Amino acid sequence: PELRDVLERMRGMDATGKLEDLRSRVGDNALKLLSEAGVVRLDEGEYVVPDLYRHGLEMARKGPR
């Protein structure tokens, strides 16, 4: 429940992208919670949302799987 508003703010974003873009939309505290919950993977300035969550959040995926 504590991520409901954050997930709504993520709706429609790309499933991969620059970490700063995601951080500006959800904030630092929410970003940490999303990472701990496995909703996003953070790697060297980039984020990735797994397909499990991508579909429910209506996120587009760039490129092949």
PDB file of N, CA and C in Angstrom:
ATOM      1  N   PRO A   1       0.818  -1.232   0.000  1.00  0.00           N
ATOM      2  CA  PRO A   1       0.000   0.000   0.000  1.00  0.00           C
ATOM      3  C   PRO A   1       0.847   1.277   0.000  1.00  0.00           C
ATOM      4  N   GLU A   2       2.025   1.234   0.636  1.00  0.00           N
ATOM      5  CA  GLU A   2       2.838   2.448   0.694  1.00  0.00           C
ATOM      6  C   GLU A   2       3.441   2.814  -0.661  1.00  0.00           C
ATOM      7  N   LEU A   3       3.413   1.900  -1.617  1.00  0.00           N
ATOM      8  CA  LEU A   3       3.946   2.185  -2.951  1.00  0.00           C
ATOM      9  C   LEU A   3       2.866   2.534  -3.969  1.00  0.00           C
ATOM     10  N   ARG A   4       1.612   2.497  -3.574  1.00  0.00           N
ATOM     11  CA  ARG A   4       0.509   2.703  -4.524  1.00  0.00           C
ATOM     12  C   ARG A   4       0.658   4.029  -5.281  1.00  0.00           C
ATOM     13  N   ASP A   5       0.884   5.131  -4.579  1.00  0.00           N
ATOM     14  CA  ASP A   5       1.028   6.433  -5.232  1.00  0.00           C
ATOM     15  C   ASP A   5       2.259   6.478  -6.125  1.00  0.00           C
ATOM     16  N   VAL A   6       3.332   5.874  -5.659  1.00  0.00           N
ATOM     17  CA  VAL A   6       4.582   5.853  -6.433  1.00  0.00           C
ATOM     18  C   VAL A   6       4.387   5.073  -7.720  1.00  0.00           C
ATOM     19  N   LEU A   7       3.745   3.921  -7.633  1.00  0.00           N
ATOM     20  CA  LEU A   7       3.504   3.108  -8.821  1.00  0.00           C
ATOM     21  C   LEU A   7       2.625   3.855  -9.810  1.00  0.00           C
ATOM     22  N   GLU A   8       1.670   4.602  -9.312  1.00  0.00           N
ATOM     23  CA  GLU A   8       0.805   5.394 -10.188  1.00  0.00           C
ATOM     24  C   GLU A   8       1.615   6.463 -10.922  1.00  0.00           C
ATOM     25  N   ARG A   9       2.586   7.069 -10.262  1.00  0.00           N
ATOM     26  CA  ARG A   9       3.448   8.067 -10.905  1.00  0.00           C
ATOM     27  C   ARG A   9       4.337   7.443 -11.974  1.00  0.00           C
ATOM     28  N   MET A  10       4.620   6.149 -11.848  1.00  0.00           N
ATOM     29  CA  MET A  10       5.460   5.452 -12.822  1.00  0.00           C
ATOM     30  C   MET A  10       4.671   5.003 -14.045  1.00  0.00           C
ATOM     31  N   ARG A  11       3.366   4.935 -13.932  1.00  0.00           N
ATOM     32  CA  ARG A  11       2.512   4.428 -15.015  1.00  0.00           C
ATOM     33  C   ARG A  11       2.804   5.177 -16.316  1.00  0.00           C
ATOM     34  N   GLY A  12       3.028   4.412 -17.382  1.00  0.00           N
ATOM     35  CA  GLY A  12       3.244   4.978 -18.702  1.00  0.00           C
ATOM     36  C   GLY A  12       4.687   5.339 -19.026  1.00  0.00           C
ATOM     37  N   MET A  13       5.600   5.247 -18.057  1.00  0.00           N
ATOM     38  CA  MET A  13       7.014   5.520 -18.332  1.00  0.00           C
ATOM     39  C   MET A  13       7.595   4.367 -19.148  1.00  0.00           C
ATOM     40  N   ASP A  14       8.802   4.561 -19.648  1.00  0.00           N
ATOM     41  CA  ASP A  14       9.520   3.459 -20.282  1.00  0.00           C
ATOM     42  C   ASP A  14      10.004   2.508 -19.198  1.00  0.00           C
ATOM     43  N   ALA A  15      10.070   1.222 -19.530  1.00  0.00           N
ATOM     44  CA  ALA A  15      10.489   0.207 -18.566  1.00  0.00           C
ATOM     45  C   ALA A  15      11.990   0.238 -18.300  1.00  0.00           C
ATOM     46  N   THR A  16      12.730   0.925 -19.141  1.00  0.00           N
ATOM     47  CA  THR A  16      14.164   1.110 -18.930  1.00  0.00           C
ATOM     48  C   THR A  16      14.494   2.569 -19.199  1.00  0.00           C
ATOM     49  N   GLY A  17      15.519   3.056 -18.539  1.00  0.00           N
ATOM     50  CA  GLY A  17      15.896   4.439 -18.791  1.00  0.00           C
ATOM     51  C   GLY A  17      16.920   4.944 -17.814  1.00  0.00           C
ATOM     52  N   LYS A  18      17.114   6.236 -17.853  1.00  0.00           N
ATOM     53  CA  LYS A  18      18.088   6.875 -16.978  1.00  0.00           C
ATOM     54  C   LYS A  18      17.537   6.974 -15.563  1.00  0.00           C
ATOM     55  N   LEU A  19      18.371   6.633 -14.621  1.00  0.00           N
ATOM     56  CA  LEU A  19      18.003   6.645 -13.212  1.00  0.00           C
ATOM     57  C   LEU A  19      17.516   8.026 -12.780  1.00  0.00           C
ATOM     58  N   GLU A  20      18.140   9.078 -13.282  1.00  0.00           N
ATOM     59  CA  GLU A  20      17.751  10.444 -12.902  1.00  0.00           C
ATOM     60  C   GLU A  20      16.313  10.762 -13.309  1.00  0.00           C
ATOM     61  N   ASP A  21      15.865  10.216 -14.450  1.00  0.00           N
ATOM     62  CA  ASP A  21      14.483  10.442 -14.884  1.00  0.00           C
ATOM     63  C   ASP A  21      13.498   9.811 -13.894  1.00  0.00           C
ATOM     64  N   LEU A  22      13.798   8.590 -13.471  1.00  0.00           N
ATOM     65  CA  LEU A  22      12.938   7.917 -12.506  1.00  0.00           C
ATOM     66  C   LEU A  22      12.999   8.612 -11.152  1.00  0.00           C
ATOM     67  N   ARG A  23      14.184   8.975 -10.725  1.00  0.00           N
ATOM     68  CA  ARG A  23      14.358   9.649  -9.440  1.00  0.00           C
ATOM     69  C   ARG A  23      13.570  10.962  -9.400  1.00  0.00           C
ATOM     70  N   SER A  24      13.579  11.709 -10.486  1.00  0.00           N
ATOM     71  CA  SER A  24      12.862  12.987 -10.503  1.00  0.00           C
ATOM     72  C   SER A  24      11.352  12.782 -10.425  1.00  0.00           C
ATOM     73  N   ARG A  25      10.860  11.637 -10.882  1.00  0.00           N
ATOM     74  CA  ARG A  25       9.424  11.374 -10.854  1.00  0.00           C
ATOM     75  C   ARG A  25       8.962  10.811  -9.516  1.00  0.00           C
ATOM     76  N   VAL A  26       9.785   9.966  -8.869  1.00  0.00           N
ATOM     77  CA  VAL A  26       9.319   9.282  -7.650  1.00  0.00           C
ATOM     78  C   VAL A  26      10.014   9.736  -6.375  1.00  0.00           C
ATOM     79  N   GLY A  27      11.213  10.298  -6.464  1.00  0.00           N
ATOM     80  CA  GLY A  27      11.951  10.726  -5.272  1.00  0.00           C
ATOM     81  C   GLY A  27      12.894   9.647  -4.759  1.00  0.00           C
ATOM     82  N   ASP A  28      13.851  10.067  -3.940  1.00  0.00           N
ATOM     83  CA  ASP A  28      14.887   9.155  -3.437  1.00  0.00           C
ATOM     84  C   ASP A  28      14.348   8.069  -2.514  1.00  0.00           C
ATOM     85  N   ASN A  29      13.473   8.433  -1.578  1.00  0.00           N
ATOM     86  CA  ASN A  29      12.947   7.450  -0.627  1.00  0.00           C
ATOM     87  C   ASN A  29      12.131   6.374  -1.335  1.00  0.00           C
ATOM     88  N   ALA A  30      11.289   6.798  -2.263  1.00  0.00           N
ATOM     89  CA  ALA A  30      10.473   5.839  -3.005  1.00  0.00           C
ATOM     90  C   ALA A  30      11.344   4.955  -3.887  1.00  0.00           C
ATOM     91  N   LEU A  31      12.392   5.523  -4.451  1.00  0.00           N
ATOM     92  CA  LEU A  31      13.297   4.751  -5.299  1.00  0.00           C
ATOM     93  C   LEU A  31      13.940   3.621  -4.508  1.00  0.00           C
ATOM     94  N   LYS A  32      14.323   3.914  -3.288  1.00  0.00           N
ATOM     95  CA  LYS A  32      14.908   2.880  -2.423  1.00  0.00           C
ATOM     96  C   LYS A  32      13.890   1.782  -2.134  1.00  0.00           C
ATOM     97  N   LEU A  33      12.659   2.153  -1.831  1.00  0.00           N
ATOM     98  CA  LEU A  33      11.601   1.156  -1.568  1.00  0.00           C
ATOM     99  C   LEU A  33      11.318   0.307  -2.806  1.00  0.00           C
ATOM    100  N   LEU A  34      11.257   0.945  -3.965  1.00  0.00           N
ATOM    101  CA  LEU A  34      11.009   0.209  -5.209  1.00  0.00           C
ATOM    102  C   LEU A  34      12.116  -0.799  -5.479  1.00  0.00           C
ATOM    103  N   SER A  35      13.344  -0.413  -5.221  1.00  0.00           N
ATOM    104  CA  SER A  35      14.475  -1.304  -5.429  1.00  0.00           C
ATOM    105  C   SER A  35      14.440  -2.478  -4.449  1.00  0.00           C
ATOM    106  N   GLU A  36      14.165  -2.191  -3.189  1.00  0.00           N
ATOM    107  CA  GLU A  36      14.093  -3.249  -2.174  1.00  0.00           C
ATOM    108  C   GLU A  36      12.964  -4.238  -2.464  1.00  0.00           C
ATOM    109  N   ALA A  37      11.856  -3.733  -3.018  1.00  0.00           N
ATOM    110  CA  ALA A  37      10.706  -4.591  -3.321  1.00  0.00           C
ATOM    111  C   ALA A  37      10.890  -5.349  -4.629  1.00  0.00           C
ATOM    112  N   GLY A  38      11.916  -5.012  -5.407  1.00  0.00           N
ATOM    113  CA  GLY A  38      12.171  -5.702  -6.667  1.00  0.00           C
ATOM    114  C   GLY A  38      11.376  -5.155  -7.838  1.00  0.00           C
ATOM    115  N   VAL A  39      10.739  -4.012  -7.663  1.00  0.00           N
ATOM    116  CA  VAL A  39       9.958  -3.416  -8.747  1.00  0.00           C
ATOM    117  C   VAL A  39      10.875  -2.788  -9.785  1.00  0.00           C
ATOM    118  N   VAL A  40      12.036  -2.303  -9.359  1.00  0.00           N
ATOM    119  CA  VAL A  40      13.038  -1.784 -10.293  1.00  0.00           C
ATOM    120  C   VAL A  40      14.401  -2.362  -9.941  1.00  0.00           C
ATOM    121  N   ARG A  41      15.217  -2.530 -10.971  1.00  0.00           N
ATOM    122  CA  ARG A  41      16.609  -2.916 -10.800  1.00  0.00           C
ATOM    123  C   ARG A  41      17.446  -1.703 -11.159  1.00  0.00           C
ATOM    124  N   LEU A  42      18.394  -1.370 -10.331  1.00  0.00           N
ATOM    125  CA  LEU A  42      19.244  -0.206 -10.557  1.00  0.00           C
ATOM    126  C   LEU A  42      20.640  -0.682 -10.934  1.00  0.00           C
ATOM    127  N   ASP A  43      21.192  -0.084 -12.002  1.00  0.00           N
ATOM    128  CA  ASP A  43      22.509  -0.505 -12.465  1.00  0.00           C
ATOM    129  C   ASP A  43      23.204   0.638 -13.183  1.00  0.00           C
ATOM    130  N   GLU A  44      24.262   1.165 -12.588  1.00  0.00           N
ATOM    131  CA  GLU A  44      25.134   2.171 -13.199  1.00  0.00           C
ATOM    132  C   GLU A  44      24.376   3.300 -13.892  1.00  0.00           C
ATOM    133  N   GLY A  45      23.528   4.000 -13.161  1.00  0.00           N
ATOM    134  CA  GLY A  45      22.825   5.149 -13.703  1.00  0.00           C
ATOM    135  C   GLY A  45      21.604   4.818 -14.539  1.00  0.00           C
ATOM    136  N   GLU A  46      21.236   3.568 -14.578  1.00  0.00           N
ATOM    137  CA  GLU A  46      20.074   3.121 -15.349  1.00  0.00           C
ATOM    138  C   GLU A  46      19.114   2.356 -14.435  1.00  0.00           C
ATOM    139  N   TYR A  47      17.862   2.284 -14.856  1.00  0.00           N
ATOM    140  CA  TYR A  47      16.876   1.465 -14.144  1.00  0.00           C
ATOM    141  C   TYR A  47      16.198   0.527 -15.136  1.00  0.00           C
ATOM    142  N   VAL A  48      15.720  -0.595 -14.644  1.00  0.00           N
ATOM    143  CA  VAL A  48      14.980  -1.571 -15.440  1.00  0.00           C
ATOM    144  C   VAL A  48      13.809  -2.057 -14.604  1.00  0.00           C
ATOM    145  N   VAL A  49      12.622  -2.086 -15.206  1.00  0.00           N
ATOM    146  CA  VAL A  49      11.433  -2.630 -14.552  1.00  0.00           C
ATOM    147  C   VAL A  49      11.177  -4.003 -15.171  1.00  0.00           C
ATOM    148  N   PRO A  50      11.153  -5.068 -14.361  1.00  0.00           N
ATOM    149  CA  PRO A  50      10.912  -6.415 -14.889  1.00  0.00           C
ATOM    150  C   PRO A  50       9.522  -6.522 -15.540  1.00  0.00           C
ATOM    151  N   ASP A  51       9.386  -7.440 -16.502  1.00  0.00           N
ATOM    152  CA  ASP A  51       8.120  -7.627 -17.213  1.00  0.00           C
ATOM    153  C   ASP A  51       6.952  -7.878 -16.267  1.00  0.00           C
ATOM    154  N   LEU A  52       7.198  -8.529 -15.162  1.00  0.00           N
ATOM    155  CA  LEU A  52       6.137  -8.815 -14.194  1.00  0.00           C
ATOM    156  C   LEU A  52       5.394  -7.544 -13.803  1.00  0.00           C
ATOM    157  N   TYR A  53       6.099  -6.451 -13.644  1.00  0.00           N
ATOM    158  CA  TYR A  53       5.491  -5.168 -13.258  1.00  0.00           C
ATOM    159  C   TYR A  53       5.222  -4.274 -14.461  1.00  0.00           C
ATOM    160  N   ARG A  54       5.998  -4.438 -15.506  1.00  0.00           N
ATOM    161  CA  ARG A  54       5.903  -3.588 -16.686  1.00  0.00           C
ATOM    162  C   ARG A  54       4.506  -3.599 -17.292  1.00  0.00           C
ATOM    163  N   HIS A  55       3.928  -4.760 -17.425  1.00  0.00           N
ATOM    164  CA  HIS A  55       2.610  -4.871 -18.038  1.00  0.00           C
ATOM    165  C   HIS A  55       1.545  -4.161 -17.212  1.00  0.00           C
ATOM    166  N   GLY A  56       1.558  -4.363 -15.911  1.00  0.00           N
ATOM    167  CA  GLY A  56       0.569  -3.736 -15.039  1.00  0.00           C
ATOM    168  C   GLY A  56       0.694  -2.228 -14.976  1.00  0.00           C
ATOM    169  N   LEU A  57       1.901  -1.726 -15.191  1.00  0.00           N
ATOM    170  CA  LEU A  57       2.135  -0.282 -15.149  1.00  0.00           C
ATOM    171  C   LEU A  57       2.066   0.347 -16.541  1.00  0.00           C
ATOM    172  N   GLU A  58       1.691  -0.457 -17.529  1.00  0.00           N
ATOM    173  CA  GLU A  58       1.545   0.016 -18.908  1.00  0.00           C
ATOM    174  C   GLU A  58       2.810   0.721 -19.396  1.00  0.00           C
ATOM    175  N   MET A  59       3.947   0.072 -19.158  1.00  0.00           N
ATOM    176  CA  MET A  59       5.240   0.626 -19.544  1.00  0.00           C
ATOM    177  C   MET A  59       5.699   0.017 -20.867  1.00  0.00           C
ATOM    178  N   ALA A  60       6.280   0.858 -21.692  1.00  0.00           N
ATOM    179  CA  ALA A  60       6.827   0.395 -22.967  1.00  0.00           C
ATOM    180  C   ALA A  60       8.237  -0.138 -22.751  1.00  0.00           C
ATOM    181  N   ARG A  61       8.612  -1.117 -23.551  1.00  0.00           N
ATOM    182  CA  ARG A  61       9.963  -1.656 -23.520  1.00  0.00           C
ATOM    183  C   ARG A  61      10.655  -1.271 -24.809  1.00  0.00           C
ATOM    184  N   LYS A  62      11.854  -0.764 -24.718  1.00  0.00           N
ATOM    185  CA  LYS A  62      12.632  -0.396 -25.901  1.00  0.00           C
ATOM    186  C   LYS A  62      13.481  -1.585 -26.307  1.00  0.00           C
ATOM    187  N   GLY A  63      13.452  -1.915 -27.591  1.00  0.00           N
ATOM    188  CA  GLY A  63      14.317  -2.961 -28.108  1.00  0.00           C
ATOM    189  C   GLY A  63      13.835  -4.370 -27.782  1.00  0.00           C
ATOM    190  N   PRO A  64      14.642  -5.367 -28.151  1.00  0.00           N
ATOM    191  CA  PRO A  64      14.286  -6.767 -27.888  1.00  0.00           C
ATOM    192  C   PRO A  64      14.441  -7.126 -26.424  1.00  0.00           C
ATOM    193  N   ARG A  65      13.880  -8.261 -26.063  1.00  0.00           N
ATOM    194  CA  ARG A  65      13.963  -8.766 -24.689  1.00  0.00           C
ATOM    195  C   ARG A  65      15.357  -9.016 -24.279  1.00  0.00           C
TER     196      ARG A  65
END
